[in-house]
Amino acid sequence: MTYLLVSLGAAGGAILRYDGTKLIKNHWQTAFPLATFLINVLGAFLLGLVAATYATSGSGYALLGTGLCGGFTTFSTMSFETAKLLQGKRWGMAIGYLALSLVVGLAAVALGLTLAN
């Protein structure tokens, strides 16, 4: 049953990421990978809320934490976009993207945990 919950959540998260990426890219054209950054920060915030609300070994966490948030956020796309920035010799933007992703992502998780408690 847990595998089904994770799969359903991941499918929903991936669809939300796909649609969210299209929406953001249609509204803001920028060299900075804004869509992935915003989606990952939102996903980190949501994971903080989910982790504080559900036991990390329960069904709710499997569906919403591992599944939905895992399918919504994307480390591989962030890594790929950083590699593209480096290939384009956009060193500062690549370093800034990684640093912002880490710092803002951690802050978003902390905020989600705090608000849910």
N, C-alpha and C. Protein backbone atom coordinates (compact mmCIF):
# COMPACT_ATOMS: atom_id res chain seq x y z
N MET A 1 0.82 -1.20 0.00
CA MET A 1 0.00 0.00 0.00
C MET A 1 0.86 1.26 0.00
N THR A 2 1.98 1.20 0.72
CA THR A 2 2.87 2.37 0.78
C THR A 2 3.40 2.73 -0.60
N TYR A 3 3.76 1.72 -1.40
CA TYR A 3 4.27 1.98 -2.74
C TYR A 3 3.22 2.68 -3.61
N LEU A 4 1.98 2.28 -3.44
CA LEU A 4 0.90 2.92 -4.19
C LEU A 4 0.76 4.39 -3.79
N LEU A 5 0.81 4.67 -2.49
CA LEU A 5 0.71 6.05 -2.01
C LEU A 5 1.86 6.91 -2.53
N VAL A 6 3.08 6.37 -2.45
CA VAL A 6 4.24 7.11 -2.95
C VAL A 6 4.10 7.36 -4.44
N SER A 7 3.68 6.34 -5.19
CA SER A 7 3.52 6.48 -6.64
C SER A 7 2.47 7.51 -7.01
N LEU A 8 1.34 7.48 -6.33
CA LEU A 8 0.28 8.46 -6.61
C LEU A 8 0.75 9.88 -6.29
N GLY A 9 1.41 10.04 -5.15
CA GLY A 9 1.93 11.35 -4.78
C GLY A 9 2.97 11.85 -5.76
N ALA A 10 3.88 10.95 -6.17
CA ALA A 10 4.94 11.33 -7.11
C ALA A 10 4.37 11.74 -8.46
N ALA A 11 3.35 11.01 -8.92
CA ALA A 11 2.72 11.37 -10.20
C ALA A 11 2.09 12.75 -10.11
N GLY A 12 1.39 13.01 -9.02
CA GLY A 12 0.79 14.34 -8.84
C GLY A 12 1.84 15.43 -8.75
N GLY A 13 2.92 15.16 -8.02
CA GLY A 13 4.00 16.14 -7.88
C GLY A 13 4.68 16.44 -9.21
N ALA A 14 4.90 15.41 -10.01
CA ALA A 14 5.54 15.60 -11.31
C ALA A 14 4.66 16.43 -12.24
N ILE A 15 3.37 16.18 -12.21
CA ILE A 15 2.44 16.97 -13.04
C ILE A 15 2.42 18.42 -12.59
N LEU A 16 2.39 18.63 -11.28
CA LEU A 16 2.43 20.01 -10.76
C LEU A 16 3.73 20.71 -11.13
N ARG A 17 4.85 19.98 -11.08
CA ARG A 17 6.14 20.58 -11.46
C ARG A 17 6.13 20.95 -12.94
N TYR A 18 5.64 20.06 -13.78
CA TYR A 18 5.58 20.31 -15.21
C TYR A 18 4.74 21.55 -15.52
N ASP A 19 3.54 21.59 -14.97
CA ASP A 19 2.65 22.74 -15.21
C ASP A 19 3.21 24.02 -14.58
N GLY A 20 3.77 23.91 -13.39
CA GLY A 20 4.36 25.07 -12.72
C GLY A 20 5.53 25.64 -13.50
N THR A 21 6.36 24.75 -14.03
CA THR A 21 7.50 25.19 -14.84
C THR A 21 7.03 25.95 -16.07
N LYS A 22 6.05 25.40 -16.76
CA LYS A 22 5.52 26.07 -17.95
C LYS A 22 4.94 27.44 -17.59
N LEU A 23 4.18 27.50 -16.52
CA LEU A 23 3.56 28.76 -16.09
C LEU A 23 4.61 29.82 -15.77
N ILE A 24 5.61 29.45 -15.01
CA ILE A 24 6.65 30.41 -14.62
C ILE A 24 7.45 30.86 -15.84
N LYS A 25 7.83 29.92 -16.71
CA LYS A 25 8.62 30.28 -17.89
C LYS A 25 7.82 31.14 -18.87
N ASN A 26 6.50 30.97 -18.91
CA ASN A 26 5.67 31.81 -19.78
C ASN A 26 5.55 33.23 -19.27
N HIS A 27 5.71 33.43 -17.96
CA HIS A 27 5.57 34.76 -17.37
C HIS A 27 6.90 35.48 -17.18
N TRP A 28 7.97 34.73 -16.95
CA TRP A 28 9.28 35.35 -16.70
C TRP A 28 10.35 34.67 -17.52
N GLN A 29 10.90 35.38 -18.47
CA GLN A 29 12.01 34.89 -19.26
C GLN A 29 13.30 35.43 -18.65
N THR A 30 14.14 34.55 -18.15
CA THR A 30 15.37 34.97 -17.49
C THR A 30 16.45 33.93 -17.68
N ALA A 31 17.71 34.36 -17.67
CA ALA A 31 18.83 33.43 -17.77
C ALA A 31 18.95 32.60 -16.49
N PHE A 32 18.49 33.16 -15.37
CA PHE A 32 18.50 32.44 -14.10
C PHE A 32 17.43 31.36 -14.14
N PRO A 33 17.72 30.15 -13.67
CA PRO A 33 16.73 29.06 -13.71
C PRO A 33 15.63 29.26 -12.66
N LEU A 34 14.82 30.28 -12.86
CA LEU A 34 13.83 30.71 -11.88
C LEU A 34 12.77 29.65 -11.61
N ALA A 35 12.29 28.98 -12.64
CA ALA A 35 11.21 28.01 -12.45
C ALA A 35 11.64 26.89 -11.50
N THR A 36 12.79 26.30 -11.75
CA THR A 36 13.27 25.22 -10.89
C THR A 36 13.54 25.72 -9.49
N PHE A 37 14.13 26.91 -9.39
CA PHE A 37 14.42 27.49 -8.08
C PHE A 37 13.13 27.67 -7.27
N LEU A 38 12.12 28.29 -7.86
CA LEU A 38 10.87 28.54 -7.14
C LEU A 38 10.15 27.24 -6.78
N ILE A 39 10.14 26.30 -7.69
CA ILE A 39 9.49 25.01 -7.41
C ILE A 39 10.22 24.28 -6.29
N ASN A 40 11.54 24.27 -6.31
CA ASN A 40 12.29 23.59 -5.25
C ASN A 40 12.09 24.26 -3.90
N VAL A 41 12.04 25.59 -3.87
CA VAL A 41 11.82 26.30 -2.60
C VAL A 41 10.41 26.02 -2.08
N LEU A 42 9.42 26.08 -2.95
CA LEU A 42 8.05 25.76 -2.54
C LEU A 42 7.95 24.32 -2.05
N GLY A 43 8.60 23.41 -2.76
CA GLY A 43 8.60 22.01 -2.35
C GLY A 43 9.26 21.81 -1.00
N ALA A 44 10.35 22.53 -0.74
CA ALA A 44 11.02 22.43 0.56
C ALA A 44 10.10 22.94 1.67
N PHE A 45 9.41 24.04 1.41
CA PHE A 45 8.45 24.58 2.38
C PHE A 45 7.34 23.57 2.66
N LEU A 46 6.78 23.01 1.60
CA LEU A 46 5.70 22.03 1.75
C LEU A 46 6.18 20.79 2.51
N LEU A 47 7.41 20.36 2.23
CA LEU A 47 7.95 19.20 2.94
C LEU A 47 8.10 19.50 4.43
N GLY A 48 8.48 20.72 4.77
CA GLY A 48 8.54 21.11 6.17
C GLY A 48 7.17 21.01 6.83
N LEU A 49 6.14 21.51 6.15
CA LEU A 49 4.77 21.40 6.67
C LEU A 49 4.35 19.94 6.84
N VAL A 50 4.63 19.15 5.83
CA VAL A 50 4.23 17.74 5.85
C VAL A 50 4.97 16.99 6.96
N ALA A 51 6.27 17.23 7.08
CA ALA A 51 7.07 16.52 8.09
C ALA A 51 6.62 16.86 9.50
N ALA A 52 6.21 18.09 9.72
CA ALA A 52 5.75 18.49 11.05
C ALA A 52 4.33 18.01 11.33
N THR A 53 3.58 17.70 10.29
CA THR A 53 2.18 17.30 10.44
C THR A 53 2.01 15.79 10.54
N TYR A 54 2.79 15.05 9.78
CA TYR A 54 2.65 13.59 9.71
C TYR A 54 3.92 12.92 10.24
N ALA A 55 3.75 11.75 10.85
CA ALA A 55 4.91 10.95 11.24
C ALA A 55 5.65 10.56 9.97
N THR A 56 6.98 10.66 9.98
CA THR A 56 7.74 10.40 8.76
C THR A 56 7.69 8.94 8.33
N SER A 57 7.09 8.08 9.11
CA SER A 57 6.95 6.68 8.69
C SER A 57 5.51 6.32 8.35
N GLY A 58 4.60 7.29 8.38
CA GLY A 58 3.18 7.01 8.16
C GLY A 58 2.74 7.16 6.73
N SER A 59 1.48 6.83 6.49
CA SER A 59 0.89 6.89 5.15
C SER A 59 0.81 8.31 4.62
N GLY A 60 0.46 9.26 5.48
CA GLY A 60 0.36 10.66 5.04
C GLY A 60 1.69 11.18 4.54
N TYR A 61 2.77 10.83 5.23
CA TYR A 61 4.10 11.27 4.80
C TYR A 61 4.51 10.56 3.51
N ALA A 62 4.16 9.28 3.38
CA ALA A 62 4.49 8.54 2.16
C ALA A 62 3.83 9.20 0.94
N LEU A 63 2.57 9.57 1.08
CA LEU A 63 1.83 10.19 -0.02
C LEU A 63 2.32 11.61 -0.30
N LEU A 64 2.38 12.43 0.74
CA LEU A 64 2.65 13.86 0.55
C LEU A 64 4.12 14.24 0.63
N GLY A 65 4.87 13.60 1.53
CA GLY A 65 6.28 13.94 1.69
C GLY A 65 7.14 13.28 0.63
N THR A 66 7.25 11.95 0.73
CA THR A 66 8.07 11.21 -0.23
C THR A 66 7.49 11.30 -1.64
N GLY A 67 6.19 11.12 -1.77
CA GLY A 67 5.55 11.12 -3.09
C GLY A 67 5.41 12.49 -3.71
N LEU A 68 4.50 13.29 -3.18
CA LEU A 68 4.18 14.59 -3.78
C LEU A 68 5.38 15.53 -3.80
N CYS A 69 6.00 15.75 -2.65
CA CYS A 69 7.13 16.68 -2.60
C CYS A 69 8.33 16.13 -3.36
N GLY A 70 8.54 14.80 -3.28
CA GLY A 70 9.64 14.20 -4.04
C GLY A 70 9.44 14.31 -5.54
N GLY A 71 8.20 14.14 -6.00
CA GLY A 71 7.91 14.27 -7.42
C GLY A 71 7.88 15.71 -7.89
N PHE A 72 7.58 16.62 -6.98
CA PHE A 72 7.47 18.04 -7.32
C PHE A 72 8.84 18.70 -7.44
N THR A 73 9.72 18.42 -6.50
CA THR A 73 11.05 19.04 -6.51
C THR A 73 12.00 18.23 -7.38
N THR A 74 13.12 18.85 -7.74
CA THR A 74 14.03 18.16 -8.65
C THR A 74 15.48 18.59 -8.46
N PHE A 75 16.25 17.71 -7.88
CA PHE A 75 17.68 17.96 -7.72
C PHE A 75 18.41 17.78 -9.05
N SER A 76 17.97 16.82 -9.84
CA SER A 76 18.65 16.54 -11.11
C SER A 76 18.52 17.72 -12.08
N THR A 77 17.36 18.35 -12.15
CA THR A 77 17.20 19.51 -13.03
C THR A 77 18.05 20.67 -12.54
N MET A 78 18.10 20.87 -11.23
CA MET A 78 18.94 21.93 -10.68
C MET A 78 20.40 21.68 -11.05
N SER A 79 20.85 20.45 -10.95
CA SER A 79 22.22 20.11 -11.30
C SER A 79 22.48 20.34 -12.78
N PHE A 80 21.55 19.93 -13.63
CA PHE A 80 21.69 20.12 -15.07
C PHE A 80 21.73 21.60 -15.44
N GLU A 81 20.84 22.38 -14.85
CA GLU A 81 20.83 23.82 -15.15
C GLU A 81 22.11 24.50 -14.67
N THR A 82 22.64 24.05 -13.55
CA THR A 82 23.91 24.59 -13.07
C THR A 82 25.03 24.24 -14.05
N ALA A 83 25.04 23.01 -14.54
CA ALA A 83 26.05 22.61 -15.52
C ALA A 83 25.95 23.45 -16.79
N LYS A 84 24.73 23.75 -17.23
CA LYS A 84 24.56 24.60 -18.42
C LYS A 84 25.08 26.00 -18.16
N LEU A 85 24.85 26.54 -16.96
CA LEU A 85 25.38 27.86 -16.63
C LEU A 85 26.90 27.84 -16.64
N LEU A 86 27.49 26.78 -16.11
CA LEU A 86 28.95 26.66 -16.10
C LEU A 86 29.50 26.52 -17.51
N GLN A 87 28.84 25.76 -18.36
CA GLN A 87 29.27 25.62 -19.75
C GLN A 87 29.21 26.96 -20.48
N GLY A 88 28.25 27.77 -20.11
CA GLY A 88 28.12 29.10 -20.70
C GLY A 88 29.01 30.14 -20.03
N LYS A 89 29.88 29.67 -19.15
CA LYS A 89 30.82 30.53 -18.43
C LYS A 89 30.12 31.60 -17.58
N ARG A 90 28.96 31.25 -17.08
CA ARG A 90 28.22 32.13 -16.16
C ARG A 90 28.51 31.68 -14.73
N TRP A 91 29.77 31.83 -14.35
CA TRP A 91 30.26 31.32 -13.08
C TRP A 91 29.49 31.90 -11.89
N GLY A 92 29.34 33.21 -11.87
CA GLY A 92 28.67 33.87 -10.76
C GLY A 92 27.22 33.42 -10.62
N MET A 93 26.53 33.31 -11.75
CA MET A 93 25.14 32.90 -11.69
C MET A 93 25.03 31.44 -11.22
N ALA A 94 25.95 30.60 -11.66
CA ALA A 94 25.93 29.19 -11.25
C ALA A 94 26.16 29.06 -9.75
N ILE A 95 27.15 29.76 -9.24
CA ILE A 95 27.45 29.71 -7.80
C ILE A 95 26.29 30.33 -7.01
N GLY A 96 25.77 31.45 -7.50
CA GLY A 96 24.64 32.09 -6.83
C GLY A 96 23.41 31.20 -6.80
N TYR A 97 23.16 30.51 -7.90
CA TYR A 97 22.02 29.60 -7.99
C TYR A 97 22.13 28.48 -6.97
N LEU A 98 23.31 27.87 -6.89
CA LEU A 98 23.51 26.79 -5.92
C LEU A 98 23.39 27.30 -4.49
N ALA A 99 24.03 28.44 -4.22
CA ALA A 99 23.99 28.99 -2.86
C ALA A 99 22.57 29.39 -2.46
N LEU A 100 21.89 30.09 -3.36
CA LEU A 100 20.50 30.49 -3.07
C LEU A 100 19.60 29.28 -2.89
N SER A 101 19.77 28.28 -3.74
CA SER A 101 18.95 27.07 -3.64
C SER A 101 19.12 26.41 -2.28
N LEU A 102 20.35 26.31 -1.82
CA LEU A 102 20.62 25.67 -0.54
C LEU A 102 20.10 26.51 0.63
N VAL A 103 20.47 27.79 0.66
CA VAL A 103 20.11 28.65 1.79
C VAL A 103 18.60 28.88 1.85
N VAL A 104 18.00 29.24 0.74
CA VAL A 104 16.56 29.52 0.72
C VAL A 104 15.77 28.23 0.92
N GLY A 105 16.26 27.12 0.37
CA GLY A 105 15.59 25.84 0.58
C GLY A 105 15.58 25.44 2.05
N LEU A 106 16.71 25.60 2.73
CA LEU A 106 16.77 25.30 4.17
C LEU A 106 15.85 26.22 4.96
N ALA A 107 15.83 27.49 4.60
CA ALA A 107 14.95 28.44 5.29
C ALA A 107 13.48 28.08 5.05
N ALA A 108 13.16 27.63 3.84
CA ALA A 108 11.78 27.26 3.53
C ALA A 108 11.33 26.04 4.34
N VAL A 109 12.20 25.04 4.47
CA VAL A 109 11.87 23.87 5.29
C VAL A 109 11.66 24.30 6.73
N ALA A 110 12.57 25.12 7.25
CA ALA A 110 12.45 25.59 8.63
C ALA A 110 11.15 26.36 8.84
N LEU A 111 10.79 27.20 7.89
CA LEU A 111 9.54 27.96 7.99
C LEU A 111 8.34 27.01 8.00
N GLY A 112 8.35 26.03 7.11
CA GLY A 112 7.25 25.06 7.07
C GLY A 112 7.13 24.29 8.37
N LEU A 113 8.26 23.85 8.92
CA LEU A 113 8.25 23.14 10.20
C LEU A 113 7.70 24.02 11.31
N THR A 114 8.14 25.27 11.33
CA THR A 114 7.71 26.21 12.37
C THR A 114 6.22 26.51 12.27
N LEU A 115 5.74 26.77 11.08
CA LEU A 115 4.32 27.10 10.90
C LEU A 115 3.41 25.92 11.23
N ALA A 116 3.87 24.71 10.97
CA ALA A 116 3.04 23.54 11.23
C ALA A 116 3.02 23.15 12.70
N ASN A 117 3.99 23.63 13.47
CA ASN A 117 4.03 23.28 14.91
C ASN A 117 3.30 24.27 15.75
